[in-house]
Protein backbone atom coordinates (compact mmCIF):
# COMPACT_ATOMS: atom_id res chain seq x y z
CA MET A 1 44.91 -52.10 22.57
CA GLU A 2 44.03 -53.90 19.10
CA GLY A 3 40.29 -53.98 19.92
CA SER A 4 40.15 -50.02 21.05
CA GLY A 5 38.68 -48.99 17.74
CA SER A 6 35.63 -51.20 18.04
CA GLY A 7 34.56 -49.71 21.61
CA ASP A 8 31.85 -47.29 22.46
CA GLY A 9 33.96 -44.54 20.79
CA SER A 10 35.18 -43.05 24.18
CA SER A 11 38.73 -43.39 23.08
CA ALA A 12 38.25 -41.46 19.68
CA SER A 13 41.71 -39.73 19.05
CA ALA A 14 41.74 -36.11 20.14
CA ASP A 15 41.97 -34.61 16.52
CA GLU A 16 39.16 -36.36 15.58
CA LYS A 17 35.82 -33.70 15.08
CA PRO A 18 32.79 -34.33 16.59
CA ARG A 19 29.98 -35.05 14.08
CA ILE A 20 27.82 -31.73 13.74
CA LYS A 21 24.36 -32.50 13.86
CA THR A 22 22.15 -31.56 10.66
CA GLY A 23 18.41 -31.63 9.80
CA PRO A 24 15.23 -30.21 11.31
CA PRO A 25 15.35 -29.67 14.91
CA SER A 26 13.68 -32.33 16.97
CA ALA A 27 10.64 -31.77 19.38
CA LYS A 28 13.05 -32.12 22.30
CA GLU A 29 15.32 -29.66 20.87
CA VAL A 30 12.64 -27.14 20.04
CA ARG A 31 11.16 -27.48 23.57
CA ALA A 32 14.75 -27.08 25.12
CA ALA A 33 15.60 -23.70 22.95
CA ALA A 34 12.01 -22.30 23.54
CA ASP A 35 11.99 -23.04 27.54
CA GLY A 36 15.53 -21.56 27.97
CA PHE A 37 14.67 -18.55 26.10
CA LEU A 38 11.25 -17.89 27.51
CA THR A 39 12.29 -18.63 31.01
CA ALA A 40 15.12 -16.19 31.02
CA TRP A 41 13.12 -13.42 29.41
CA GLN A 42 10.34 -14.07 32.00
CA GLN A 43 13.08 -13.73 34.86
CA GLY A 44 14.28 -10.26 33.35
CA ASP A 45 17.65 -11.79 32.26
CA ALA A 46 18.24 -10.44 28.91
CA ALA A 47 21.60 -11.38 28.37
CA LYS A 48 20.72 -14.86 29.16
CA ALA A 49 17.87 -15.18 27.06
CA ALA A 50 19.83 -13.79 24.45
CA THR A 51 22.15 -16.78 24.47
CA TYR A 52 19.35 -19.04 23.27
CA THR A 53 19.01 -17.14 20.06
CA ASP A 54 20.89 -17.20 17.06
CA ASP A 55 21.79 -13.34 17.17
CA ALA A 56 22.77 -12.67 20.87
CA THR A 57 23.50 -9.23 20.27
CA ALA A 58 20.40 -8.04 18.72
CA ALA A 59 18.23 -10.11 20.71
CA GLU A 60 19.85 -8.67 24.13
CA LYS A 61 19.76 -4.97 22.86
CA ALA A 62 15.89 -5.85 21.92
CA LEU A 63 14.90 -7.56 25.17
CA THR A 64 16.69 -4.92 27.21
CA GLY A 65 14.56 -2.16 25.38
CA LEU A 66 11.41 -3.95 26.25
CA THR A 67 12.21 -3.12 29.93
CA LYS A 68 14.27 0.36 29.48
CA ASP A 69 11.96 1.88 26.47
CA ALA A 70 8.92 -0.04 26.28
CA ARG A 71 8.95 -0.05 30.32
CA LEU A 72 7.32 -3.34 30.34
CA THR A 73 7.06 -4.97 34.11
CA GLY A 74 6.18 -8.32 35.39
CA VAL A 75 6.38 -10.25 32.09
CA LYS A 76 4.73 -13.55 32.20
CA LEU A 77 5.28 -15.96 29.36
CA ALA A 78 3.23 -18.98 28.68
CA ALA A 79 4.30 -21.46 25.72
CA GLY A 80 1.38 -22.81 23.45
CA GLN A 81 1.23 -26.21 21.34
CA ARG A 82 4.48 -26.58 19.19
CA THR A 83 3.74 -26.90 15.56
CA GLY A 84 7.15 -28.26 14.04
CA ALA A 85 9.69 -25.86 14.78
CA LYS A 86 7.25 -23.10 15.80
CA VAL A 87 6.23 -22.46 19.18
CA PRO A 88 3.49 -19.88 19.72
CA PHE A 89 3.51 -18.11 23.26
CA HIS A 90 1.37 -15.62 25.17
CA VAL A 91 2.73 -12.58 26.73
CA THR A 92 1.26 -10.55 29.68
CA SER A 93 2.43 -7.86 31.77
CA THR A 94 2.21 -4.23 32.93
CA VAL A 95 3.48 -1.09 31.24
CA VAL A 96 4.25 1.39 33.89
CA TYR A 97 5.22 4.99 33.15
CA ASP A 98 6.80 7.01 35.89
CA PRO A 99 7.14 10.68 34.62
CA SER A 100 9.41 11.46 37.70
CA ALA A 101 11.67 8.73 36.37
CA SER A 102 11.68 9.72 32.96
CA ASP A 103 13.81 11.98 30.93
CA LYS A 104 10.81 14.38 30.27
CA GLY A 105 7.66 14.15 32.47
CA ARG A 106 4.36 14.88 31.33
CA ALA A 107 3.37 18.39 31.13
CA GLY A 108 1.13 19.40 34.23
CA THR A 109 1.04 15.90 35.78
CA GLY A 110 3.32 13.68 37.93
CA GLU A 111 1.13 10.71 38.47
CA LYS A 112 2.60 7.44 37.65
CA LEU A 113 0.53 5.54 34.92
CA SER A 114 0.29 1.76 34.40
CA LYS A 115 -1.99 -0.68 32.36
CA PRO A 116 -1.99 -4.31 31.44
CA LEU A 117 -0.75 -5.61 28.32
CA ALA A 118 -1.46 -8.77 26.51
CA TYR A 119 -0.74 -10.16 23.22
CA ASP A 120 0.68 -13.40 21.14
CA SER A 121 3.68 -13.94 19.83
CA SER A 122 5.84 -16.87 18.27
CA LEU A 123 9.42 -18.05 17.77
CA THR A 124 10.91 -20.73 15.56
CA ALA A 125 13.86 -22.76 16.34
CA VAL A 126 16.70 -23.18 14.01
CA ARG A 127 19.67 -25.21 13.91
CA ARG A 128 23.04 -23.43 13.60
CA LYS A 129 25.11 -24.38 10.95
CA SER A 130 28.42 -24.16 12.60
CA ASP A 131 27.86 -26.40 15.39
CA GLY A 132 24.37 -27.91 14.91
CA LYS A 133 22.99 -26.23 18.08
CA VAL A 134 19.24 -25.43 18.05
CA LEU A 135 18.56 -21.99 18.94
CA VAL A 136 15.55 -19.57 18.87
CA GLY A 137 15.71 -17.73 15.32
CA TRP A 138 16.01 -14.00 16.36
CA GLN A 139 13.75 -11.73 14.56
CA PRO A 140 12.39 -8.60 15.99
CA SER A 141 8.56 -10.29 15.54
CA VAL A 142 9.42 -12.75 18.33
CA LEU A 143 9.23 -9.60 20.52
CA HIS A 144 6.03 -8.49 19.30
CA PRO A 145 4.52 -9.82 15.94
CA GLU A 146 4.25 -6.43 14.57
CA LEU A 147 7.72 -5.25 14.86
CA LYS A 148 10.07 -5.22 11.87
CA ASP A 149 13.67 -4.82 11.37
CA GLY A 150 14.76 -1.21 13.10
CA ASP A 151 11.39 -0.81 14.78
CA LYS A 152 11.37 -0.03 18.67
CA LEU A 153 8.73 -0.49 21.35
CA VAL A 154 8.68 2.85 23.26
CA THR A 155 6.56 4.07 25.94
CA GLY A 156 6.29 7.81 26.83
CA GLU A 157 4.74 11.04 25.60
CA ALA A 158 3.27 10.24 22.06
CA GLY A 159 5.44 11.53 19.49
CA ASP A 160 2.59 13.30 17.82
CA PRO A 161 -0.51 14.48 19.86
CA PRO A 162 -3.76 12.88 18.55
CA VAL A 163 -5.94 14.28 16.09
CA LYS A 164 -9.70 14.05 15.53
CA ALA A 165 -10.06 13.52 11.93
CA VAL A 166 -13.47 14.71 10.51
CA ASP A 167 -15.35 14.52 7.48
CA ARG A 168 -16.09 17.76 5.03
CA ASP A 169 -19.50 18.07 7.29
CA GLY A 170 -17.18 18.19 10.64
CA ALA A 171 -18.43 14.90 11.75
CA GLU A 172 -15.63 12.66 13.28
CA LEU A 173 -14.23 9.86 11.16
CA ASP A 174 -14.81 6.88 13.26
CA VAL A 175 -12.38 3.99 11.96
CA LYS A 176 -14.94 1.32 13.40
CA LYS A 177 -17.51 2.90 10.99
CA TYR A 178 -14.83 3.45 8.28
CA PRO A 179 -12.36 0.59 8.64
CA SER A 180 -10.32 2.04 5.49
CA LEU A 181 -9.54 4.90 7.21
CA ALA A 182 -7.32 3.41 10.20
CA THR A 183 -3.90 4.18 8.18
CA VAL A 184 -5.28 7.36 6.73
CA VAL A 185 -5.98 8.77 10.33
CA ASP A 186 -2.63 7.54 11.67
CA GLY A 187 -0.87 9.28 8.43
CA LEU A 188 -2.83 12.40 9.47
CA ARG A 189 -1.66 12.46 12.84
CA GLU A 190 1.86 12.02 11.86
CA LYS A 191 1.38 14.93 9.30
CA PHE A 192 -0.68 17.32 11.53
CA GLY A 193 -0.51 16.14 15.11
CA LYS A 194 1.99 18.74 16.02
CA THR A 195 0.12 21.76 14.24
CA ALA A 196 -3.54 20.69 14.89
CA GLY A 197 -3.65 22.15 18.54
CA GLY A 198 -3.55 18.97 20.28
CA THR A 199 -1.45 17.85 23.34
CA ALA A 200 0.28 14.51 23.64
CA GLY A 201 -0.93 11.61 25.91
CA VAL A 202 1.33 8.59 27.09
CA GLU A 203 1.19 5.69 24.75
CA LEU A 204 3.06 2.20 24.06
CA ARG A 205 3.84 2.42 20.46
CA ILE A 206 5.97 1.08 17.57
CA VAL A 207 8.44 3.37 16.74
CA ARG A 208 9.14 2.74 12.98
CA LYS A 209 12.63 2.73 11.41
CA ALA A 210 13.57 5.99 10.33
CA SER A 211 12.45 6.33 6.56
CA SER A 212 15.02 8.42 5.30
CA GLY A 213 15.96 5.97 2.71
CA LYS A 214 12.40 4.84 1.95
CA SER A 215 10.09 6.68 -1.14
CA LYS A 216 7.05 8.15 0.43
CA LYS A 217 4.97 5.46 -0.96
CA ASP A 218 6.52 2.91 1.13
CA ALA A 219 6.47 4.75 4.59
CA GLN A 220 4.44 3.41 7.29
CA PRO A 221 3.17 5.60 10.24
CA ASP A 222 4.18 4.69 13.78
CA LYS A 223 1.46 2.20 15.60
CA THR A 224 -0.19 2.87 18.78
CA LEU A 225 -0.47 -0.44 20.91
CA LEU A 226 -1.65 0.53 24.14
CA THR A 227 -2.89 4.19 25.46
CA LEU A 228 -1.94 5.04 28.98
CA SER A 229 -3.10 8.50 29.13
CA GLU A 230 -5.37 9.93 26.35
CA GLY A 231 -3.95 13.17 25.02
CA THR A 232 -6.02 16.16 23.79
CA PRO A 233 -6.63 15.85 20.03
CA GLY A 234 -6.34 18.57 17.60
CA LYS A 235 -8.84 18.86 14.81
CA VAL A 236 -8.13 17.99 11.13
CA THR A 237 -10.74 18.66 8.79
CA THR A 238 -10.59 16.42 5.64
CA THR A 239 -12.23 16.49 2.12
CA LEU A 240 -14.08 13.26 2.58
CA SER A 241 -17.73 12.78 2.04
CA PRO A 242 -19.49 10.72 4.59
CA THR A 243 -22.01 9.54 2.39
CA LEU A 244 -19.37 8.44 -0.24
CA GLN A 245 -17.12 6.95 2.09
CA ALA A 246 -19.52 4.85 3.64
CA ALA A 247 -20.61 3.68 -0.07
CA ALA A 248 -16.88 3.03 -0.69
CA GLU A 249 -16.30 0.93 2.46
CA LYS A 250 -19.52 -1.11 1.33
CA GLN A 251 -18.29 -1.91 -2.07
CA VAL A 252 -14.72 -3.15 -0.69
CA ALA A 253 -15.88 -4.96 2.18
CA SER A 254 -17.98 -7.47 -0.22
CA ARG A 255 -14.86 -8.15 -2.28
CA LYS A 256 -11.41 -9.38 -1.95
CA ARG A 257 -8.52 -7.06 -2.82
CA ALA A 258 -10.57 -4.23 -3.87
CA SER A 259 -9.42 -0.52 -3.70
CA VAL A 260 -11.57 2.62 -4.85
CA VAL A 261 -10.82 6.41 -4.89
CA VAL A 262 -13.37 9.23 -5.75
CA ILE A 263 -12.21 12.89 -6.60
CA ARG A 264 -14.10 16.16 -7.47
CA PRO A 265 -12.47 17.14 -10.64
CA SER A 266 -13.21 20.68 -10.30
CA THR A 267 -11.07 21.15 -7.20
CA GLY A 268 -9.07 17.83 -6.58
CA GLU A 269 -10.75 17.14 -3.11
CA ILE A 270 -10.73 13.44 -2.34
CA LEU A 271 -14.17 12.51 -1.61
CA ALA A 272 -13.81 8.76 -0.64
CA VAL A 273 -10.86 6.10 -0.27
CA ALA A 274 -11.26 2.48 0.85
CA ASN A 275 -9.42 -0.82 0.64
CA SER A 276 -10.59 -4.43 1.18
CA SER A 277 -7.58 -4.88 3.40
CA PRO A 278 -7.18 -2.06 5.84
CA GLY A 279 -3.41 -2.72 6.87
CA PHE A 280 -1.90 -1.11 3.57
CA ASN A 281 -3.60 1.89 1.46
CA THR A 282 -3.33 0.61 -1.82
CA ALA A 283 -5.67 2.92 -3.13
CA PHE A 284 -3.15 5.76 -2.25
CA GLN A 285 0.01 3.80 -1.97
CA GLY A 286 -0.16 0.87 -4.35
CA SER A 287 2.17 0.61 -7.34
CA LEU A 288 0.52 -1.42 -10.00
CA ALA A 289 0.23 -1.72 -13.81
CA PRO A 290 -2.91 -0.06 -14.79
CA GLY A 291 -3.47 -2.13 -17.99
CA SER A 292 -5.61 -0.55 -20.45
CA THR A 293 -6.75 2.34 -18.33
CA MET A 294 -3.42 3.98 -19.27
CA LYS A 295 -4.83 4.20 -23.03
CA VAL A 296 -6.69 7.34 -22.01
CA ILE A 297 -3.21 8.94 -21.72
CA THR A 298 -1.73 7.27 -24.36
CA SER A 299 -4.68 8.62 -26.56
CA SER A 300 -4.42 12.03 -25.62
CA LEU A 301 -0.69 11.79 -26.74
CA LEU A 302 -1.59 10.31 -30.15
CA LEU A 303 -4.29 12.83 -30.53
CA GLU A 304 -2.10 15.80 -30.03
CA LYS A 305 0.77 14.15 -32.27
CA GLY A 306 -1.74 13.49 -35.18
CA LEU A 307 -1.16 9.92 -35.25
CA ALA A 308 -4.77 9.22 -34.32
CA GLY A 309 -8.25 10.74 -35.04
CA VAL A 310 -11.46 10.10 -33.25
CA ASN A 311 -13.21 9.01 -36.64
CA LYS A 312 -10.36 8.44 -38.73
CA GLU A 313 -9.58 4.77 -39.96
CA HIS A 314 -6.76 3.31 -37.45
CA PRO A 315 -5.12 -0.22 -37.55
CA CYS A 316 -6.30 -2.88 -35.27
CA PRO A 317 -4.80 -5.88 -36.27
CA LYS A 318 -4.57 -9.32 -34.65
CA TYR A 319 -0.98 -8.93 -33.76
CA PHE A 320 1.79 -6.39 -33.85
CA THR A 321 5.47 -6.94 -33.27
CA TYR A 322 7.69 -4.22 -31.84
CA GLY A 323 11.15 -4.68 -30.27
CA HIS A 324 10.98 -8.45 -30.82
CA TRP A 325 7.74 -8.83 -29.07
CA LYS A 326 4.61 -9.95 -30.45
CA PHE A 327 1.60 -8.30 -29.13
CA GLN A 328 -1.76 -9.29 -29.45
CA ASN A 329 -5.46 -8.40 -28.60
CA ASP A 330 -7.73 -9.97 -26.02
CA ASP A 331 -9.33 -13.27 -27.80
CA LYS A 332 -6.81 -12.21 -30.62
CA PHE A 333 -9.81 -9.92 -32.18
CA GLN A 334 -9.06 -7.66 -34.93
CA ILE A 335 -11.15 -4.73 -36.42
CA LYS A 336 -10.76 -4.19 -40.14
CA ASN A 337 -11.29 -1.01 -41.61
CA GLY A 338 -12.24 0.46 -38.31
CA THR A 339 -11.91 3.84 -36.56
CA PHE A 340 -9.79 4.92 -33.70
CA LYS A 341 -12.68 5.42 -31.62
CA ALA A 342 -13.79 1.86 -32.27
CA SER A 343 -10.20 0.70 -31.28
CA PHE A 344 -10.32 2.58 -28.00
CA ALA A 345 -13.79 1.62 -27.15
CA ARG A 346 -13.10 -2.16 -27.73
CA SER A 347 -9.52 -1.71 -26.02
CA CYS A 348 -7.70 -3.01 -29.06
CA ASN A 349 -3.92 -3.27 -28.04
CA THR A 350 -2.48 -3.16 -31.28
CA ALA A 351 -4.24 0.12 -32.31
CA PHE A 352 -1.78 1.63 -29.47
CA ILE A 353 1.33 -0.61 -30.18
CA SER A 354 1.27 0.16 -33.92
CA GLN A 355 2.07 3.58 -33.23
CA ALA A 356 4.98 2.90 -30.99
CA PRO A 357 7.61 3.26 -33.82
CA LYS A 358 6.64 6.83 -34.51
CA LEU A 359 7.12 7.78 -30.99
CA ASP A 360 10.13 8.64 -28.79
CA ASP A 361 11.16 6.76 -25.86
CA ASP A 362 10.38 9.63 -23.68
CA SER A 363 7.11 10.55 -25.33
CA LEU A 364 4.35 8.98 -22.82
CA THR A 365 6.66 9.97 -19.91
CA LYS A 366 6.30 13.74 -20.95
CA GLN A 367 2.66 13.53 -21.60
CA ALA A 368 2.04 11.60 -18.26
CA GLN A 369 4.05 14.32 -16.38
CA GLN A 370 3.22 17.48 -18.06
CA VAL A 371 -0.58 17.22 -18.63
CA PHE A 372 -1.51 14.66 -16.22
CA GLY A 373 0.82 15.42 -13.28
CA LEU A 374 1.72 11.95 -12.64
CA GLY A 375 5.30 10.51 -12.01
CA MET A 376 7.03 13.41 -10.50
CA ASN A 377 7.05 12.29 -6.70
CA ASN A 378 5.60 15.76 -5.79
CA TRP A 379 2.05 15.25 -4.66
CA ALA A 380 1.27 16.69 -1.23
CA VAL A 381 -2.16 15.04 -0.44
CA GLY A 382 -2.18 15.39 3.05
CA VAL A 383 -0.79 11.57 3.93
CA SER A 384 1.68 9.26 2.07
CA SER A 385 0.98 8.47 -1.52
CA PHE A 386 2.50 7.30 -4.62
CA ASP A 387 2.30 9.59 -7.49
CA GLY A 388 2.46 7.22 -10.37
CA SER A 389 5.54 6.27 -12.49
CA VAL A 390 5.85 6.35 -16.11
CA PRO A 391 9.72 5.71 -16.73
CA VAL A 392 11.63 6.09 -20.00
CA GLN A 393 11.85 2.90 -21.75
CA SER A 394 12.76 1.55 -25.16
CA ASP A 395 11.65 -1.18 -27.62
CA ALA A 396 8.97 -3.71 -26.48
CA GLN A 397 8.95 -2.21 -22.82
CA MET A 398 8.05 1.15 -24.48
CA ALA A 399 5.44 -0.21 -26.62
CA ALA A 400 3.92 -2.15 -23.56
CA SER A 401 3.83 1.02 -21.44
CA LEU A 402 1.31 2.42 -24.17
CA ILE A 403 -1.09 -0.03 -22.95
CA GLY A 404 -0.35 0.12 -19.25
CA GLN A 405 2.03 -2.66 -18.95
CA GLY A 406 5.91 -2.53 -19.06
CA GLY A 407 7.29 -0.44 -16.22
CA VAL A 408 4.33 1.92 -15.77
CA ARG A 409 2.80 1.83 -12.30
CA MET A 410 -0.25 3.42 -10.84
CA ASN A 411 -3.00 3.09 -8.19
CA PRO A 412 -6.55 4.26 -7.87
CA LEU A 413 -5.84 7.67 -6.70
CA ASN A 414 -3.59 8.40 -9.91
CA MET A 415 -6.19 6.67 -12.25
CA ALA A 416 -9.36 8.49 -10.65
CA SER A 417 -6.96 11.58 -11.27
CA VAL A 418 -6.61 10.89 -14.92
CA ALA A 419 -10.33 10.89 -15.18
CA ALA A 420 -10.84 13.79 -13.39
CA THR A 421 -8.03 15.67 -15.66
CA VAL A 422 -10.20 14.85 -18.61
CA LYS A 423 -13.37 15.90 -16.89
CA ASN A 424 -12.18 19.20 -15.58
CA GLY A 425 -9.54 19.99 -18.51
CA THR A 426 -7.03 20.83 -16.25
CA PHE A 427 -4.97 18.54 -13.76
CA HIS A 428 -5.89 19.34 -10.11
CA GLN A 429 -3.61 17.69 -7.74
CA PRO A 430 -5.90 15.61 -5.41
CA TYR A 431 -5.87 16.33 -1.67
CA LEU A 432 -7.30 15.01 1.39
CA VAL A 433 -6.74 18.02 3.73
CA SER A 434 -6.99 21.48 2.12
CA PRO A 435 -3.29 23.06 1.30
CA ASP A 436 -4.78 26.28 3.16
CA VAL A 437 -4.18 24.35 6.51
CA ASP A 438 -0.50 24.17 6.25
CA HIS A 439 0.23 26.35 3.31
CA ARG A 440 1.93 23.30 1.65
CA THR A 441 2.96 23.41 -2.16
CA ILE A 442 0.32 21.54 -4.46
CA ALA A 443 1.78 19.70 -7.50
CA LYS A 444 0.79 21.36 -10.79
CA ALA A 445 0.83 20.41 -14.35
CA SER A 446 3.07 22.09 -16.84
CA ARG A 447 0.51 22.25 -19.77
CA SER A 448 -3.16 21.60 -20.60
CA LEU A 449 -4.51 19.70 -23.63
CA SER A 450 -5.92 22.02 -26.41
CA ALA A 451 -9.69 22.11 -26.55
CA LYS A 452 -9.89 20.02 -29.47
CA THR A 453 -7.78 17.27 -28.13
CA LEU A 454 -9.84 17.31 -24.95
CA ALA A 455 -13.16 17.16 -26.59
CA ASP A 456 -11.73 14.09 -28.73
CA LEU A 457 -10.59 12.51 -25.64
CA ARG A 458 -14.12 12.83 -23.71
CA GLU A 459 -15.79 11.74 -27.15
CA LEU A 460 -13.70 8.49 -26.87
CA MET A 461 -14.32 7.76 -23.08
CA HIS A 462 -18.13 8.69 -23.70
CA TYR A 463 -18.40 6.47 -26.48
CA THR A 464 -16.79 3.44 -24.34
CA ALA A 465 -19.44 4.07 -21.75
CA VAL A 466 -22.23 4.07 -24.26
CA ALA A 467 -20.88 1.29 -26.74
CA GLY A 468 -17.84 -0.12 -25.62
CA THR A 469 -16.35 -2.10 -22.55
CA ALA A 470 -17.54 0.14 -20.16
CA VAL A 471 -21.45 -0.15 -21.20
CA GLU A 472 -22.66 -2.33 -18.34
CA PRO A 473 -21.16 -0.31 -15.46
CA MET A 474 -22.00 2.79 -16.97
CA SER A 475 -25.59 2.21 -18.39
CA GLY A 476 -28.21 4.88 -17.13
CA LEU A 477 -25.68 7.30 -15.91
CA GLY A 478 -26.78 10.09 -18.27
CA SER A 479 -24.80 12.08 -20.84
CA ASP A 480 -22.12 14.15 -19.11
CA MET A 481 -19.73 10.84 -18.24
CA GLY A 482 -17.09 8.86 -19.70
CA ALA A 483 -15.05 5.56 -18.63
CA LYS A 484 -12.24 3.47 -19.44
CA THR A 485 -11.86 -0.37 -18.47
CA GLY A 486 -8.56 -2.18 -18.04
CA SER A 487 -7.19 -5.70 -17.04
CA ALA A 488 -3.19 -6.22 -16.29
CA GLU A 489 -1.59 -9.40 -16.55
CA VAL A 490 0.53 -10.18 -13.45
CA ASP A 491 2.90 -12.84 -13.43
CA GLY A 492 1.88 -15.77 -10.86
CA GLN A 493 -1.59 -14.61 -10.95
CA LYS A 494 -4.44 -16.94 -12.69
CA GLN A 495 -6.65 -13.85 -13.17
CA PRO A 496 -5.58 -10.24 -13.99
CA ASN A 497 -6.07 -7.18 -12.25
CA GLY A 498 -9.30 -5.39 -13.13
CA TRP A 499 -9.39 -1.60 -13.37
CA PHE A 500 -11.89 0.91 -14.23
CA THR A 501 -11.67 4.63 -14.28
CA ALA A 502 -14.71 6.91 -15.11
CA TYR A 503 -15.97 10.49 -14.51
CA ARG A 504 -19.81 11.40 -14.23
CA GLY A 505 -20.74 15.46 -13.59
CA ASP A 506 -18.44 16.72 -10.96
CA LEU A 507 -17.06 13.08 -9.79
CA ALA A 508 -14.35 11.14 -10.90
CA SER A 509 -13.55 7.54 -9.77
CA ALA A 510 -11.12 4.47 -10.06
CA ALA A 511 -10.87 1.17 -8.66
CA VAL A 512 -8.89 -1.89 -8.94
CA VAL A 513 -9.77 -5.42 -7.91
CA GLN A 514 -6.62 -7.38 -7.67
CA GLU A 515 -7.13 -11.00 -9.54
CA GLY A 516 -10.62 -9.83 -10.15
CA GLY A 517 -10.54 -10.48 -13.96
CA HIS A 518 -11.82 -7.95 -16.74
CA GLY A 519 -12.21 -4.41 -15.32
CA GLY A 520 -15.61 -3.75 -16.68
CA ASP A 521 -16.90 -6.89 -14.44
CA SER A 522 -14.99 -6.64 -11.37
CA ALA A 523 -13.95 -2.97 -10.66
CA GLY A 524 -16.51 -1.40 -13.16
CA PRO A 525 -19.48 -2.11 -10.38
CA VAL A 526 -17.43 -0.63 -7.80
CA VAL A 527 -17.12 2.56 -9.49
CA ARG A 528 -20.90 2.59 -10.74
CA GLN A 529 -21.89 2.54 -7.23
CA MET A 530 -19.63 5.56 -6.40
CA LEU A 531 -20.93 7.62 -9.28
CA LEU A 532 -24.40 6.72 -8.33
CA ALA A 533 -23.80 7.53 -4.68
CA GLY A 534 -22.55 10.89 -5.50
CA GLY A 535 -25.84 12.03 -7.15
């Protein structure tokens, strides 16, 4: 028996633990896990397919729901070319809806409905640490690429009847013509579908996880993947202008990561909204530092408190330290013996930071809420929106807030509203659908600026448009106009986000171009075209 230790290992002692495999899965292991999973799924054996995943409970529930809730039949799966541990696959099936077999048959009809469905998905093989076994890493997106945690695929009567969204002139808003409006129309359906007079069709759709814990800026509407039977749409009239919407779409289509909004200051009506990336409505729901465009709000505060005067001398040093942070101007410029108007027009950071010691921590927060209607999470636009955030901060963060950094977050809707408030003299909450349609409560600001402060603020914005950082985008736009540029540094970005907000006559617009660089060069031309298109 002396030589037993040098054999092939078959006589290893009973208490010796087998070695657990580590490292990336081999091609053979990936293929075995994928084939096992896809074969069992295609055979309709959810329980067996789930055993090939690293979360059998969740996988079995989801796969069972594909038949029970989504009503997919005759599923066929074809694996594609493996890349590392990732295996793409193509799904074909038929969605069958039988009203007589459902809990709730279609009103007035009894016909069985069916339609083919095809889509691409993928899976990724992972090695389980406990035993080294290679399995399919379970995620809802394996089932369908657009599914997220908590989402479900459901075929049945649409939760909300379809809507026919129309512009202010009554023409239908075609999402092929206006791609930015896809999420907006989805949101209008969610908000007004049940009350707009339509009847529900039958659809396969993604039902999003209940959004009770989400803020309205993050809420995403359910998404229709396949329509088996068209419902009868109800009509929802929006405030959008076809001319301005077309112009907005043209502007964002020629840029990366641009978003723009146009508002009518006298009413708050939203005339256009567009985004380069149509999947998320950054224009309404974005939460970005607004940079120097925030100086419009800060200036109103300084003017009211007597800490600045349009033509009064005002400090603009190269540097100003507050709360142990050393703040500086773009290219470290300074203005010696200059006025506040000159500092605003050049966008001098230290002119604003230098006033931080004379302000309370909540001064800017109150100004944004009371005068500009921002940061109270109470706008009722007609679809989901983020209403800006100006949190109470202290020390360096409070100082940074004065120039649109720190914890301040805005989007083009918010900043267009700021310009609109300056132009109109009073805050009108922006809206996409008239509140008369559903009698919803529109947000109000608790006070307005005095006539003197308002005139001063308009002078600052006008001077910036004719002699400051906004000259180029605003040239030739007449006398009744004003603007403010902004650039917001973002960690991890080579270029800052470019911002621009302006008014001209009874139009106000704001745009952001993420990683666009200086606001006057990137977002300014977008806003210029909006103001021109509005006549």
